């Protein structure tokens, strides 16, 4: 989270809150390949060539930009991502209520900071943003990418938009990953009635106290426990809320993590996507 002073004519100071991600990158110097490892290298190359084309759409937080988040893709070094197309769009500029109407990059309006499980929502702005995300996905699928190899990921406000975009998309996707986000609509919202069957879970076996579910579009939710911008309670309330409306979600809590993205979260995301990539485009 960053604070930016805004100079006004009146003798007051307004603090602008931006929900941007502070990503900590750790790079290792390349090592000389041992000749004995050539067989495993060939195996990895063969594996990556058999993977279909994939697409990752990354949605940034309030006040941030797409290009500022592009270094994230450099951490995804597994061979399975050699055929991956990344897209980091920037939100349009719009007045934001929690920042006293100041104009800044924002997918939809945010009424208050910190965000709690009961914060008011801008559902009309959210739906407009969702339609733009869907248009981007539609174009990628029309260009030949298997919907099962399409992944939407987002941080903070972008995470909330990711969740809504996955739930309302009319096709099964590879998955959606929410980082430090929240549910951007309430329990009485008309949006719930628009959630597609592709996003909901299908119960395939139930015996005594054991249930196994098949998730059409998987959801991964990661949240820092000491987040003071989008409170941990807002993130923690997400999976139970989704459960009530028939949507499954894998939730991961990160002790010591504030409102930012860690290398650990991104490594987990890389593994999570790898297990869901299809071998045909």
C-alpha atoms as a PDB file:
ATOM      1  CA  UNK A   1       0.000   0.000   0.000  1.00  0.00           C
ATOM      2  CA  UNK A   2       1.323   3.452  -0.837  1.00  0.00           C
ATOM      3  CA  UNK A   3       0.322   6.876   0.426  1.00  0.00           C
ATOM      4  CA  UNK A   4       0.475   9.788  -1.985  1.00  0.00           C
ATOM      5  CA  UNK A   5      -0.051  13.381  -0.816  1.00  0.00           C
ATOM      6  CA  UNK A   6      -2.465  15.426  -2.891  1.00  0.00           C
ATOM      7  CA  UNK A   7      -1.932  19.201  -2.931  1.00  0.00           C
ATOM      8  CA  UNK A   8      -5.185  21.112  -2.584  1.00  0.00           C
ATOM      9  CA  UNK A   9      -6.010  24.802  -2.386  1.00  0.00           C
ATOM     10  CA  UNK A  10      -7.491  24.330   1.082  1.00  0.00           C
ATOM     11  CA  UNK A  11      -4.934  23.916   3.887  1.00  0.00           C
ATOM     12  CA  UNK A  12      -5.557  20.225   4.388  1.00  0.00           C
ATOM     13  CA  UNK A  13      -3.768  17.080   3.357  1.00  0.00           C
ATOM     14  CA  UNK A  14      -5.569  14.144   1.785  1.00  0.00           C
ATOM     15  CA  UNK A  15      -3.891  10.741   1.814  1.00  0.00           C
ATOM     16  CA  UNK A  16      -4.540   8.682  -1.285  1.00  0.00           C
ATOM     17  CA  UNK A  17      -4.600   4.939  -0.780  1.00  0.00           C
ATOM     18  CA  UNK A  18      -3.451   2.691  -3.586  1.00  0.00           C
ATOM     19  CA  UNK A  19      -3.988  -1.047  -3.415  1.00  0.00           C
ATOM     20  CA  UNK A  20      -0.820  -1.985  -5.272  1.00  0.00           C
ATOM     21  CA  UNK A  21       1.199  -5.125  -4.828  1.00  0.00           C
ATOM     22  CA  UNK A  22       4.671  -5.124  -3.349  1.00  0.00           C
ATOM     23  CA  UNK A  23       6.244  -8.210  -4.873  1.00  0.00           C
ATOM     24  CA  UNK A  24       9.550  -9.455  -3.552  1.00  0.00           C
ATOM     25  CA  UNK A  25      11.654 -11.039  -6.274  1.00  0.00           C
ATOM     26  CA  UNK A  26      14.581 -13.340  -5.605  1.00  0.00           C
ATOM     27  CA  UNK A  27      16.632 -14.287  -8.642  1.00  0.00           C
ATOM     28  CA  UNK A  28      19.393 -16.870  -8.728  1.00  0.00           C
ATOM     29  CA  UNK A  29      22.321 -16.764 -11.108  1.00  0.00           C
ATOM     30  CA  UNK A  30      22.186 -19.435 -13.811  1.00  0.00           C
ATOM     31  CA  UNK A  31      24.258 -22.544 -13.204  1.00  0.00           C
ATOM     32  CA  UNK A  32      26.301 -24.421 -15.762  1.00  0.00           C
ATOM     33  CA  UNK A  33      24.430 -27.501 -16.891  1.00  0.00           C
ATOM     34  CA  UNK A  34      25.997 -30.819 -16.062  1.00  0.00           C
ATOM     35  CA  UNK A  35      26.245 -33.125 -19.118  1.00  0.00           C
ATOM     36  CA  UNK A  36      24.619 -35.884 -17.077  1.00  0.00           C
ATOM     37  CA  UNK A  37      21.493 -33.762 -16.812  1.00  0.00           C
ATOM     38  CA  UNK A  38      20.944 -33.660 -20.580  1.00  0.00           C
ATOM     39  CA  UNK A  39      18.434 -36.513 -20.437  1.00  0.00           C
ATOM     40  CA  UNK A  40      16.230 -34.684 -17.926  1.00  0.00           C
ATOM     41  CA  UNK A  41      16.542 -31.509 -20.013  1.00  0.00           C
ATOM     42  CA  UNK A  42      15.368 -33.366 -23.110  1.00  0.00           C
ATOM     43  CA  UNK A  43      12.488 -34.784 -21.101  1.00  0.00           C
ATOM     44  CA  UNK A  44      11.477 -31.306 -19.931  1.00  0.00           C
ATOM     45  CA  UNK A  45      11.679 -29.952 -23.469  1.00  0.00           C
ATOM     46  CA  UNK A  46       9.509 -32.768 -24.743  1.00  0.00           C
ATOM     47  CA  UNK A  47       7.006 -32.128 -21.975  1.00  0.00           C
ATOM     48  CA  UNK A  48       6.801 -28.402 -22.726  1.00  0.00           C
ATOM     49  CA  UNK A  49       6.390 -28.973 -26.462  1.00  0.00           C
ATOM     50  CA  UNK A  50       3.419 -31.231 -25.794  1.00  0.00           C
ATOM     51  CA  UNK A  51       1.684 -28.596 -23.691  1.00  0.00           C
ATOM     52  CA  UNK A  52      -1.023 -26.599 -25.391  1.00  0.00           C
ATOM     53  CA  UNK A  53      -0.968 -22.843 -25.596  1.00  0.00           C
ATOM     54  CA  UNK A  54      -2.053 -21.186 -22.354  1.00  0.00           C
ATOM     55  CA  UNK A  55      -3.124 -17.690 -21.382  1.00  0.00           C
ATOM     56  CA  UNK A  56      -2.719 -15.846 -18.076  1.00  0.00           C
ATOM     57  CA  UNK A  57      -4.585 -12.576 -17.535  1.00  0.00           C
ATOM     58  CA  UNK A  58      -3.270 -10.571 -14.566  1.00  0.00           C
ATOM     59  CA  UNK A  59      -5.443  -7.809 -13.047  1.00  0.00           C
ATOM     60  CA  UNK A  60      -3.687  -5.247 -10.847  1.00  0.00           C
ATOM     61  CA  UNK A  61      -4.887  -3.392  -7.755  1.00  0.00           C
ATOM     62  CA  UNK A  62      -6.234   0.127  -7.264  1.00  0.00           C
ATOM     63  CA  UNK A  63      -3.900   2.880  -8.486  1.00  0.00           C
ATOM     64  CA  UNK A  64      -1.484   0.432 -10.073  1.00  0.00           C
ATOM     65  CA  UNK A  65      -0.824  -0.396 -13.734  1.00  0.00           C
ATOM     66  CA  UNK A  66      -0.428  -3.465 -15.901  1.00  0.00           C
ATOM     67  CA  UNK A  67       3.193  -2.825 -16.953  1.00  0.00           C
ATOM     68  CA  UNK A  68       4.257  -2.432 -13.313  1.00  0.00           C
ATOM     69  CA  UNK A  69       3.187  -6.036 -12.688  1.00  0.00           C
ATOM     70  CA  UNK A  70       4.850  -7.609 -15.724  1.00  0.00           C
ATOM     71  CA  UNK A  71       7.961  -8.796 -13.785  1.00  0.00           C
ATOM     72  CA  UNK A  72       5.699 -11.377 -12.145  1.00  0.00           C
ATOM     73  CA  UNK A  73       5.847 -13.552 -15.252  1.00  0.00           C
ATOM     74  CA  UNK A  74       9.640 -13.852 -14.938  1.00  0.00           C
ATOM     75  CA  UNK A  75       9.186 -16.026 -11.858  1.00  0.00           C
ATOM     76  CA  UNK A  76       7.292 -18.676 -13.827  1.00  0.00           C
ATOM     77  CA  UNK A  77      10.304 -20.544 -15.180  1.00  0.00           C
ATOM     78  CA  UNK A  78       8.885 -24.060 -15.505  1.00  0.00           C
ATOM     79  CA  UNK A  79       8.985 -25.534 -19.048  1.00  0.00           C
ATOM     80  CA  UNK A  80       5.177 -25.743 -19.005  1.00  0.00           C
ATOM     81  CA  UNK A  81       5.016 -21.947 -19.308  1.00  0.00           C
ATOM     82  CA  UNK A  82       7.050 -21.671 -22.516  1.00  0.00           C
ATOM     83  CA  UNK A  83       3.821 -21.592 -24.520  1.00  0.00           C
ATOM     84  CA  UNK A  84       2.072 -19.170 -22.177  1.00  0.00           C
ATOM     85  CA  UNK A  85       0.826 -15.767 -23.286  1.00  0.00           C
ATOM     86  CA  UNK A  86       0.667 -13.198 -20.496  1.00  0.00           C
ATOM     87  CA  UNK A  87      -1.480 -10.083 -20.549  1.00  0.00           C
ATOM     88  CA  UNK A  88      -1.251  -7.253 -17.995  1.00  0.00           C
ATOM     89  CA  UNK A  89      -3.935  -4.684 -18.845  1.00  0.00           C
ATOM     90  CA  UNK A  90      -4.273  -1.352 -17.038  1.00  0.00           C
ATOM     91  CA  UNK A  91      -7.520  -0.180 -15.468  1.00  0.00           C
ATOM     92  CA  UNK A  92      -9.147   2.988 -16.835  1.00  0.00           C
ATOM     93  CA  UNK A  93      -8.830   6.204 -14.864  1.00  0.00           C
ATOM     94  CA  UNK A  94     -11.887   6.953 -12.749  1.00  0.00           C
ATOM     95  CA  UNK A  95     -12.825   8.887  -9.583  1.00  0.00           C
ATOM     96  CA  UNK A  96     -12.547   6.732  -6.460  1.00  0.00           C
ATOM     97  CA  UNK A  97     -14.777   7.431  -3.464  1.00  0.00           C
ATOM     98  CA  UNK A  98     -12.366   6.200  -0.775  1.00  0.00           C
ATOM     99  CA  UNK A  99      -9.790   8.661  -2.138  1.00  0.00           C
ATOM    100  CA  UNK A 100     -12.158  11.652  -2.021  1.00  0.00           C
ATOM    101  CA  UNK A 101     -13.071  11.360  -5.685  1.00  0.00           C
ATOM    102  CA  UNK A 102      -9.495  11.586  -6.911  1.00  0.00           C
ATOM    103  CA  UNK A 103      -9.067  10.134 -10.403  1.00  0.00           C
ATOM    104  CA  UNK A 104      -6.789   7.123 -10.610  1.00  0.00           C
ATOM    105  CA  UNK A 105      -6.573   3.680 -12.289  1.00  0.00           C
ATOM    106  CA  UNK A 106      -9.528   1.703 -10.958  1.00  0.00           C
ATOM    107  CA  UNK A 107     -11.561  -1.223 -12.278  1.00  0.00           C
ATOM    108  CA  UNK A 108     -14.609  -0.076 -10.287  1.00  0.00           C
ATOM    109  CA  UNK A 109     -15.350   2.241  -7.364  1.00  0.00           C
ATOM    110  CA  UNK A 110     -14.216   1.474  -3.814  1.00  0.00           C
ATOM    111  CA  UNK A 111     -16.167   3.200  -1.064  1.00  0.00           C
ATOM    112  CA  UNK A 112     -13.942   2.678   1.956  1.00  0.00           C
ATOM    113  CA  UNK A 113     -10.530   1.575   3.165  1.00  0.00           C
ATOM    114  CA  UNK A 114      -9.872  -0.725   4.932  1.00  0.00           C
ATOM    115  CA  UNK A 115     -12.176  -3.148   3.188  1.00  0.00           C
ATOM    116  CA  UNK A 116     -14.118  -5.464   5.466  1.00  0.00           C
ATOM    117  CA  UNK A 117     -16.513  -8.312   4.824  1.00  0.00           C
ATOM    118  CA  UNK A 118     -19.378  -5.817   5.131  1.00  0.00           C
ATOM    119  CA  UNK A 119     -18.030  -2.940   3.035  1.00  0.00           C
ATOM    120  CA  UNK A 120     -20.438  -1.394   0.490  1.00  0.00           C
ATOM    121  CA  UNK A 121     -19.935  -2.484  -3.112  1.00  0.00           C
ATOM    122  CA  UNK A 122     -20.063  -0.843  -6.545  1.00  0.00           C
ATOM    123  CA  UNK A 123     -21.880  -3.619  -8.385  1.00  0.00           C
ATOM    124  CA  UNK A 124     -22.740  -1.613 -11.505  1.00  0.00           C
ATOM    125  CA  UNK A 125     -19.096  -0.636 -11.993  1.00  0.00           C
ATOM    126  CA  UNK A 126     -18.078  -4.229 -11.282  1.00  0.00           C
ATOM    127  CA  UNK A 127     -20.360  -5.633 -13.998  1.00  0.00           C
ATOM    128  CA  UNK A 128     -18.959  -3.176 -16.539  1.00  0.00           C
ATOM    129  CA  UNK A 129     -15.422  -4.277 -15.682  1.00  0.00           C
ATOM    130  CA  UNK A 130     -16.410  -7.965 -15.862  1.00  0.00           C
ATOM    131  CA  UNK A 131     -17.737  -7.474 -19.396  1.00  0.00           C
ATOM    132  CA  UNK A 132     -14.375  -6.055 -20.459  1.00  0.00           C
ATOM    133  CA  UNK A 133     -12.546  -9.019 -18.930  1.00  0.00           C
ATOM    134  CA  UNK A 134     -14.898 -11.424 -20.686  1.00  0.00           C
ATOM    135  CA  UNK A 135     -14.284  -9.694 -24.022  1.00  0.00           C
ATOM    136  CA  UNK A 136     -10.539 -10.226 -23.540  1.00  0.00           C
ATOM    137  CA  UNK A 137     -11.040 -13.914 -22.759  1.00  0.00           C
ATOM    138  CA  UNK A 138     -13.427 -14.362 -25.694  1.00  0.00           C
ATOM    139  CA  UNK A 139     -10.796 -12.971 -28.061  1.00  0.00           C
ATOM    140  CA  UNK A 140      -8.102 -15.291 -26.739  1.00  0.00           C
ATOM    141  CA  UNK A 141     -10.352 -18.339 -27.076  1.00  0.00           C
ATOM    142  CA  UNK A 142     -11.356 -17.250 -30.587  1.00  0.00           C
ATOM    143  CA  UNK A 143      -7.634 -17.120 -31.420  1.00  0.00           C
ATOM    144  CA  UNK A 144      -7.351 -20.813 -30.583  1.00  0.00           C
ATOM    145  CA  UNK A 145      -6.569 -21.151 -26.867  1.00  0.00           C
ATOM    146  CA  UNK A 146      -8.397 -23.946 -25.067  1.00  0.00           C
ATOM    147  CA  UNK A 147     -10.651 -22.388 -22.372  1.00  0.00           C
ATOM    148  CA  UNK A 148      -9.228 -24.943 -19.937  1.00  0.00           C
ATOM    149  CA  UNK A 149      -5.838 -23.283 -20.417  1.00  0.00           C
ATOM    150  CA  UNK A 150      -7.119 -19.794 -19.594  1.00  0.00           C
ATOM    151  CA  UNK A 151      -6.322 -18.460 -16.122  1.00  0.00           C
ATOM    152  CA  UNK A 152      -7.419 -15.180 -14.546  1.00  0.00           C
ATOM    153  CA  UNK A 153      -5.346 -13.859 -11.645  1.00  0.00           C
ATOM    154  CA  UNK A 154      -5.645 -10.645  -9.699  1.00  0.00           C
ATOM    155  CA  UNK A 155      -4.413  -8.744  -6.664  1.00  0.00           C
ATOM    156  CA  UNK A 156      -6.641  -6.750  -4.284  1.00  0.00           C
ATOM    157  CA  UNK A 157      -9.213  -4.898  -6.435  1.00  0.00           C
ATOM    158  CA  UNK A 158      -8.007  -7.024  -9.341  1.00  0.00           C
ATOM    159  CA  UNK A 159      -8.580 -10.102  -7.192  1.00  0.00           C
ATOM    160  CA  UNK A 160     -12.175  -9.082  -6.537  1.00  0.00           C
ATOM    161  CA  UNK A 161     -12.640  -8.543 -10.280  1.00  0.00           C
ATOM    162  CA  UNK A 162     -11.027 -11.935 -10.964  1.00  0.00           C
ATOM    163  CA  UNK A 163     -13.542 -13.651  -8.705  1.00  0.00           C
ATOM    164  CA  UNK A 164     -16.557 -12.013 -10.351  1.00  0.00           C
ATOM    165  CA  UNK A 165     -15.193 -12.611 -13.858  1.00  0.00           C
ATOM    166  CA  UNK A 166     -14.715 -16.339 -13.240  1.00  0.00           C
ATOM    167  CA  UNK A 167     -18.096 -16.784 -11.588  1.00  0.00           C
ATOM    168  CA  UNK A 168     -19.968 -15.058 -14.413  1.00  0.00           C
ATOM    169  CA  UNK A 169     -18.093 -16.495 -17.396  1.00  0.00           C
ATOM    170  CA  UNK A 170     -20.254 -18.891 -19.473  1.00  0.00           C
ATOM    171  CA  UNK A 171     -17.473 -21.447 -20.070  1.00  0.00           C
ATOM    172  CA  UNK A 172     -15.287 -23.593 -17.839  1.00  0.00           C
ATOM    173  CA  UNK A 173     -11.833 -22.025 -17.510  1.00  0.00           C
ATOM    174  CA  UNK A 174      -8.514 -23.348 -16.260  1.00  0.00           C
ATOM    175  CA  UNK A 175      -8.912 -21.423 -13.026  1.00  0.00           C
ATOM    176  CA  UNK A 176      -9.034 -18.142 -11.180  1.00  0.00           C
ATOM    177  CA  UNK A 177      -6.542 -16.965  -8.542  1.00  0.00           C
ATOM    178  CA  UNK A 178      -7.458 -14.266  -6.023  1.00  0.00           C
ATOM    179  CA  UNK A 179      -4.712 -12.528  -4.033  1.00  0.00           C
ATOM    180  CA  UNK A 180      -5.738 -10.331  -1.087  1.00  0.00           C
ATOM    181  CA  UNK A 181      -9.175  -9.837  -2.591  1.00  0.00           C
ATOM    182  CA  UNK A 182     -12.765  -9.857  -1.410  1.00  0.00           C
ATOM    183  CA  UNK A 183     -16.251 -10.815  -2.586  1.00  0.00           C
ATOM    184  CA  UNK A 184     -17.371  -7.687  -4.500  1.00  0.00           C
ATOM    185  CA  UNK A 185     -21.109  -8.276  -4.042  1.00  0.00           C
ATOM    186  CA  UNK A 186     -23.359  -9.065  -1.085  1.00  0.00           C
ATOM    187  CA  UNK A 187     -25.599 -12.006  -0.273  1.00  0.00           C
ATOM    188  CA  UNK A 188     -28.734 -10.297  -1.621  1.00  0.00           C
ATOM    189  CA  UNK A 189     -27.136  -9.238  -4.902  1.00  0.00           C
ATOM    190  CA  UNK A 190     -28.739 -10.101  -8.232  1.00  0.00           C
ATOM    191  CA  UNK A 191     -25.242 -11.122  -9.356  1.00  0.00           C
ATOM    192  CA  UNK A 192     -25.614 -14.398  -7.461  1.00  0.00           C
ATOM    193  CA  UNK A 193     -28.443 -15.430  -9.791  1.00  0.00           C
ATOM    194  CA  UNK A 194     -26.135 -14.831 -12.762  1.00  0.00           C
ATOM    195  CA  UNK A 195     -23.380 -17.199 -11.584  1.00  0.00           C
ATOM    196  CA  UNK A 196     -22.927 -19.801 -14.299  1.00  0.00           C
ATOM    197  CA  UNK A 197     -23.140 -23.583 -13.805  1.00  0.00           C
ATOM    198  CA  UNK A 198     -19.559 -23.777 -15.099  1.00  0.00           C
ATOM    199  CA  UNK A 199     -18.331 -22.009 -11.967  1.00  0.00           C
ATOM    200  CA  UNK A 200     -20.308 -24.092  -9.522  1.00  0.00           C
ATOM    201  CA  UNK A 201     -19.230 -27.401  -8.062  1.00  0.00           C
ATOM    202  CA  UNK A 202     -20.740 -30.740  -8.965  1.00  0.00           C
ATOM    203  CA  UNK A 203     -21.064 -33.327  -6.203  1.00  0.00           C
ATOM    204  CA  UNK A 204     -19.876 -36.635  -7.657  1.00  0.00           C
ATOM    205  CA  UNK A 205     -19.724 -38.837  -4.564  1.00  0.00           C
ATOM    206  CA  UNK A 206     -21.086 -38.755  -1.061  1.00  0.00           C
ATOM    207  CA  UNK A 207     -20.788 -41.521   1.504  1.00  0.00           C
ATOM    208  CA  UNK A 208     -21.414 -41.075   5.241  1.00  0.00           C
ATOM    209  CA  UNK A 209     -19.361 -38.035   6.308  1.00  0.00           C
ATOM    210  CA  UNK A 210     -17.123 -37.934   3.241  1.00  0.00           C
ATOM    211  CA  UNK A 211     -17.845 -35.850   0.176  1.00  0.00           C
ATOM    212  CA  UNK A 212     -15.803 -35.446  -2.966  1.00  0.00           C
ATOM    213  CA  UNK A 213     -16.452 -32.606  -5.375  1.00  0.00           C
ATOM    214  CA  UNK A 214     -15.441 -31.908  -8.928  1.00  0.00           C
ATOM    215  CA  UNK A 215     -14.826 -28.215  -9.500  1.00  0.00           C
ATOM    216  CA  UNK A 216     -15.609 -26.981 -12.999  1.00  0.00           C
ATOM    217  CA  UNK A 217     -13.567 -23.761 -12.719  1.00  0.00           C
ATOM    218  CA  UNK A 218     -11.092 -24.050  -9.826  1.00  0.00           C
ATOM    219  CA  UNK A 219     -10.550 -21.069  -7.530  1.00  0.00           C
ATOM    220  CA  UNK A 220      -7.413 -20.353  -5.504  1.00  0.00           C
ATOM    221  CA  UNK A 221      -7.609 -17.652  -2.817  1.00  0.00           C
ATOM    222  CA  UNK A 222      -4.477 -16.386  -1.025  1.00  0.00           C
ATOM    223  CA  UNK A 223      -4.501 -13.767   1.736  1.00  0.00           C
ATOM    224  CA  UNK A 224      -2.006 -12.326   4.213  1.00  0.00           C
ATOM    225  CA  UNK A 225      -3.062 -12.605   7.844  1.00  0.00           C
ATOM    226  CA  UNK A 226      -1.786  -9.123   8.799  1.00  0.00           C
ATOM    227  CA  UNK A 227      -3.361  -7.364   5.805  1.00  0.00           C
ATOM    228  CA  UNK A 228      -4.621  -3.973   7.043  1.00  0.00           C
ATOM    229  CA  UNK A 229      -5.967  -2.739   3.690  1.00  0.00           C
ATOM    230  CA  UNK A 230      -8.224  -5.601   2.656  1.00  0.00           C
ATOM    231  CA  UNK A 231      -8.670  -7.104   6.084  1.00  0.00           C
ATOM    232  CA  UNK A 232      -7.973 -10.792   6.506  1.00  0.00           C
ATOM    233  CA  UNK A 233     -11.548 -11.192   7.742  1.00  0.00           C
ATOM    234  CA  UNK A 234     -12.769  -9.992   4.329  1.00  0.00           C
ATOM    235  CA  UNK A 235     -10.732 -12.666   2.597  1.00  0.00           C
ATOM    236  CA  UNK A 236     -11.526 -15.346   5.140  1.00  0.00           C
ATOM    237  CA  UNK A 237     -15.258 -14.683   4.718  1.00  0.00           C
ATOM    238  CA  UNK A 238     -15.009 -15.421   0.988  1.00  0.00           C
ATOM    239  CA  UNK A 239     -14.898 -19.251   0.869  1.00  0.00           C
ATOM    240  CA  UNK A 240     -17.838 -19.790   3.290  1.00  0.00           C
ATOM    241  CA  UNK A 241     -19.871 -17.238   1.335  1.00  0.00           C
ATOM    242  CA  UNK A 242     -19.070 -19.030  -1.929  1.00  0.00           C
ATOM    243  CA  UNK A 243     -19.803 -22.409  -0.333  1.00  0.00           C
ATOM    244  CA  UNK A 244     -23.347 -21.278   0.473  1.00  0.00           C
ATOM    245  CA  UNK A 245     -24.013 -20.476  -3.186  1.00  0.00           C
ATOM    246  CA  UNK A 246     -22.473 -23.714  -4.443  1.00  0.00           C
ATOM    247  CA  UNK A 247     -19.002 -22.543  -5.439  1.00  0.00           C
ATOM    248  CA  UNK A 248     -15.848 -24.264  -4.187  1.00  0.00           C
ATOM    249  CA  UNK A 249     -12.613 -22.474  -3.313  1.00  0.00           C
ATOM    250  CA  UNK A 250      -9.135 -23.410  -2.077  1.00  0.00           C
ATOM    251  CA  UNK A 251      -8.064 -20.890   0.586  1.00  0.00           C
ATOM    252  CA  UNK A 252      -4.496 -20.301   1.764  1.00  0.00           C
ATOM    253  CA  UNK A 253      -3.565 -17.988   4.650  1.00  0.00           C
ATOM    254  CA  UNK A 254      -0.053 -16.498   4.863  1.00  0.00           C
ATOM    255  CA  UNK A 255       1.196 -15.556   8.368  1.00  0.00           C
ATOM    256  CA  UNK A 256       3.233 -12.348   8.513  1.00  0.00           C
ATOM    257  CA  UNK A 257       2.084 -11.159   5.093  1.00  0.00           C
ATOM    258  CA  UNK A 258       0.502  -7.712   4.800  1.00  0.00           C
ATOM    259  CA  UNK A 259      -1.175  -6.226   1.715  1.00  0.00           C
ATOM    260  CA  UNK A 260       1.320  -7.554  -0.816  1.00  0.00           C
ATOM    261  CA  UNK A 261       2.269 -10.607  -2.847  1.00  0.00           C
ATOM    262  CA  UNK A 262       5.116 -12.844  -1.766  1.00  0.00           C
ATOM    263  CA  UNK A 263       7.385 -15.165  -3.718  1.00  0.00           C
ATOM    264  CA  UNK A 264       5.849 -18.045  -1.788  1.00  0.00           C
ATOM    265  CA  UNK A 265       2.391 -17.176  -3.101  1.00  0.00           C
ATOM    266  CA  UNK A 266       3.656 -16.959  -6.668  1.00  0.00           C
ATOM    267  CA  UNK A 267       5.515 -20.264  -6.410  1.00  0.00           C
ATOM    268  CA  UNK A 268       2.318 -21.868  -5.182  1.00  0.00           C
ATOM    269  CA  UNK A 269       0.419 -20.281  -8.071  1.00  0.00           C
ATOM    270  CA  UNK A 270       2.941 -21.683 -10.547  1.00  0.00           C
ATOM    271  CA  UNK A 271       2.467 -25.213  -9.184  1.00  0.00           C
ATOM    272  CA  UNK A 272      -1.308 -24.761  -9.035  1.00  0.00           C
ATOM    273  CA  UNK A 273      -1.515 -23.731 -12.700  1.00  0.00           C
ATOM    274  CA  UNK A 274       0.921 -26.443 -13.826  1.00  0.00           C
ATOM    275  CA  UNK A 275      -1.306 -29.201 -12.477  1.00  0.00           C
ATOM    276  CA  UNK A 276      -4.261 -27.836 -14.478  1.00  0.00           C
ATOM    277  CA  UNK A 277      -2.667 -27.150 -17.860  1.00  0.00           C
ATOM    278  CA  UNK A 278      -4.076 -29.230 -20.720  1.00  0.00           C
ATOM    279  CA  UNK A 279      -1.831 -30.915 -23.265  1.00  0.00           C
ATOM    280  CA  UNK A 280      -3.809 -29.679 -26.278  1.00  0.00           C
ATOM    281  CA  UNK A 281      -4.490 -26.057 -27.197  1.00  0.00           C
END
